[in-house]
Amino acid sequence: MDKDHAAIDMDRMNVVSFTVGKEFSRDTKEFRKLLYPVVDRASPVYGDGGYDRREKF
């Protein structure tokens, strides 16, 4: 089974980035891939506890 991750523009309610990871992969590994394409225009960034790490990029 796969695990989906999405970055959403909350102002426009559009998906701006999407990744599919393995079921047991760490969310922090997907976080980099998810936000890399939009990091220059993503501020602020919110996520649940699975993405909660001190250093992301």
Protein backbone atom coordinates (compact mmCIF):
# COMPACT_ATOMS: atom_id res chain seq x y z
CA MET A 1 0.00 0.00 0.00
CA ASP A 2 1.23 3.52 -0.79
CA LYS A 3 1.08 6.72 1.19
CA ASP A 4 0.06 9.98 -0.50
CA HIS A 5 1.45 13.41 0.42
CA ALA A 6 0.09 16.70 -0.90
CA ALA A 7 1.12 20.35 -0.64
CA ILE A 8 -1.89 22.64 -0.95
CA ASP A 9 -2.08 26.37 -1.57
CA MET A 10 -4.52 27.27 1.19
CA ASP A 11 -5.45 30.62 -0.38
CA ARG A 12 -6.56 29.06 -3.65
CA MET A 13 -7.24 25.51 -2.40
CA ASN A 14 -5.09 24.03 -5.18
CA VAL A 15 -2.71 21.09 -4.98
CA VAL A 16 0.72 22.51 -5.85
CA SER A 17 2.81 19.38 -5.27
CA PHE A 18 2.05 15.69 -4.78
CA THR A 19 4.16 12.61 -3.96
CA VAL A 20 3.46 8.94 -3.39
CA GLY A 21 5.66 7.11 -0.89
CA LYS A 22 5.87 3.61 0.47
CA GLU A 23 3.49 2.67 3.28
CA PHE A 24 6.22 2.46 5.91
CA SER A 25 8.46 5.29 4.67
CA ARG A 26 9.16 8.22 6.98
CA ASP A 27 7.12 11.32 6.27
CA THR A 28 10.20 13.49 6.71
CA LYS A 29 11.82 11.87 3.64
CA GLU A 30 8.77 12.70 1.51
CA PHE A 31 8.66 16.24 2.91
CA ARG A 32 11.76 17.29 0.95
CA LYS A 33 10.44 15.84 -2.30
CA LEU A 34 7.01 17.36 -1.68
CA LEU A 35 8.11 20.92 -1.03
CA TYR A 36 11.24 21.15 -3.20
CA PRO A 37 9.31 22.27 -6.32
CA VAL A 38 7.43 25.00 -4.41
CA VAL A 39 9.80 26.03 -1.59
CA ASP A 40 10.54 29.44 -3.10
CA ARG A 41 6.86 30.41 -2.93
CA ALA A 42 5.74 28.41 0.12
CA SER A 43 5.45 30.49 3.26
CA PRO A 44 4.37 29.62 5.85
CA VAL A 45 4.39 25.82 5.79
CA TYR A 46 2.10 23.75 8.02
CA GLY A 47 2.15 19.98 8.56
CA ASP A 48 1.08 17.34 11.02
CA GLY A 49 3.38 15.64 13.55
CA GLY A 50 4.78 13.27 10.93
CA TYR A 51 6.61 16.17 9.30
CA ASP A 52 7.75 17.69 12.60
CA ARG A 53 11.55 17.77 12.50
CA ARG A 54 13.99 20.56 13.24
CA GLU A 55 15.74 20.60 9.84
CA LYS A 56 13.85 20.03 6.61
CA PHE A 57 16.02 21.37 3.75
